[in-house]
Amino acid sequence: MLKWISFAKKSISFSPLWKNNIVDILAPVETQIFQVVLDSRLRMYAQTNQYLSRELLKNPNTKIVQLGCSGGLSTCISLSSLGELPKDDFLKEKTCTTCIKNQSHIQYSYKYPLDQSKLTAVQVETLDEIEKKLAQELNISCVLDFELDGIKFCKIAFFDWAIRLKLTDKSLLEHHHIQEFIYSLKDLFYIYNSTSSLNLRNQNSNYLIYINGNYSQNTLLRVIFSRNGINSISVEPQPFSNKLLNKIALKSERVPLKNYGLAEVDLAKLDVDINSLQSILNTFSARFQGREYNAYTTLNKNPETKNEVERLNGFCQKFNRIHTYFAHSSDEVIPHRVTHSYESDKDHIFENQDEIIRWIIDQAENFPKIGFIIRLHPRMAINKRDGFESAEHSRIKEILRSRPTPQNVMIFSGDSRISSYYLIYKSCLVLVGWSTIGLEALALGKPTISLLPSFGMYPVRDFSLQPESNEEVLGSITGVLQYGEPVSNQLGAWISYAYEHQFIQIPVFRQFDGMLGVIGYIFHKITSSCRMVLVEFAVLSLFCGKRIAFSRSLAIDENKKIVAASDAQIISLFSDHQKKWKTLMFQYGK
């Protein structure tokens, strides 16, 4: 019999949905869970860990070893997630104070800090050698193959470092880049040394659990624990949502960068759940209105944005066909390729984004009667998350400046606040490398071509016919060929399952937008100040629908029922979504 760790008063039957990725353990033995809480500065992550630990410990056979930090790490997951740099002592102190406080609210059986060890003489010497080598070469690739005790520490450190600083393995390094990489590497050595005294062997049922398995420190811990036969489970928050409460899914080890990374499903056998499809389309709608945390643009217009809209409208009136290329931020892909050794398919039409942009300029010169728009990703520029410009943004702007811009090309840099969804509205064809805005464009009914499809976290070839050669892309641009048209059923099946249905709602606030958000924020502040977190969990559980449960393998399932949508219902939902978007874009463009 499976022993259940209930999330509420009732346990429900376990569906095999979650067994695909998590090894099931049937023996009713004591379970020891190593819970990583290095991300506790982030309220949502801290409360998610707090909720999970409390519910897991309701089972008397479960023990939790909390793996945290007392402020000794310089580049923890909290700092990386918030984009804060270790050189800023004030921000670090503020972050550490909040993180340590939040860690103390997460229930545990034993507490084990990961920042209390000392570096060995070999590690100190290694850090010095790596720093000197980087100062000489000014390129991170010269140290990526470094290995100590069979672990490629530099490759692991690269992930957080590259995302935090918006760098790639080809970037020319400055002094502070090198210093921050050494900070990252030193912290990995501290964590490695700290785990050496943990008793990881000869345990009957052990698990390592963390939030987001791609982060560097989670990756190192996964490598260490896997050497001792301990399985790792990644708690993955829902990628997009404008809902009040958080949703999570459990994945084995991490979510990999690949088309089916979010979910390995057979679209041909997957029914479209009408409620999940409606929910994710509502979230997509919130994104183009700027009401979702991960959205970079809104429909608000300042004087500068009004001028850009007017210029765009005037530009579009000159041409019968308008095509927009949405550039991606490569630093979101390169860390997966370096740290996690991700190899893309070899059937890409283009090698990289620089090549794509040069090609588009060439085609603009060849077809002067077609209008081309190039939109650089807002993440590349100074934005709401990062206070600095990426090297890629500077490089692409230099590429564009290095040759005369054809009259039929309009460029919007990452600094532009113009709505990206208005650019989709004005386009006949949308081109992307792999960016998720391509998926959203398909949901809005726009023909969309992915030029680097295997880097995308969605199987674009499964729900739209994609070109396989340079000539076929060109045919789509000229209108001779029709590629990129979305197929509603397959598209609906993917987005409803991958972004909504597989995630389980938990009684933890995700965000505080809107009227309900204001009420939720006041309620959260009251319960937090009075240390009444159990009351908060109990009240929010009333809004979580069906109760969920853990199996012995820590797999969870809500036993969700799929309300299968008919073809007509799927088309109707997409049609309503597109009508709402067109109405808003029409008003925005005035």
Foldseek 3Di string as FASTA:
>chain_A
DWDWQFLDPDADDDDCQQVVFFPFDRDPAAEEEEEEQLQQLDPQQLVVLQSVQVSNVVDVSYFYEYEYAQLQAQCTPNCLVLLHHSVPPVVSVVSNVRSVVSVVSRDGRHYAYLRPDDFDPVRVVVLVVQLVVCVVPQFLVVQQCDDDPRDRLLLLLCLSLCSSQLHFRGDRHDNVSSVRSSSSSVSLRSNVVRCVPPDLAPDPHYEYEYEALSHSNNVSVCVVNVVRVHWYKYWYWQPFALDFFIWTAIGTRHQAQWAQSLHDDDLVPFFQFLVLLLRVLVRLLCLLQVSIPPRFAHLDDDPVLLVVLVVVVVLLVQAPAEEEEEEDSCSVQNSSCRNVVDDFDPQFQDDDDLVVVVVVQVVCVVCVRYAYEYEYALVQQCGPRDRHHHPVLVVSVVVCVVDDRRPRYHYHGSPRNHRPLLVLVSHQEYEYQADCVQLSSLLLFHQYEHRNHGSHNHNQVQFWPYDRYPVQVVCVRVVNDRTRGGHQSSSSRGCSVSNGDSIATALGTDAQDDPNSVVVVVVVVVCVVVVNVVVSRVVSVVVRPAIWMQTSSRHIDRPDDRPGDDPVSSVVSSVVSNVVSNVSSVVSSD
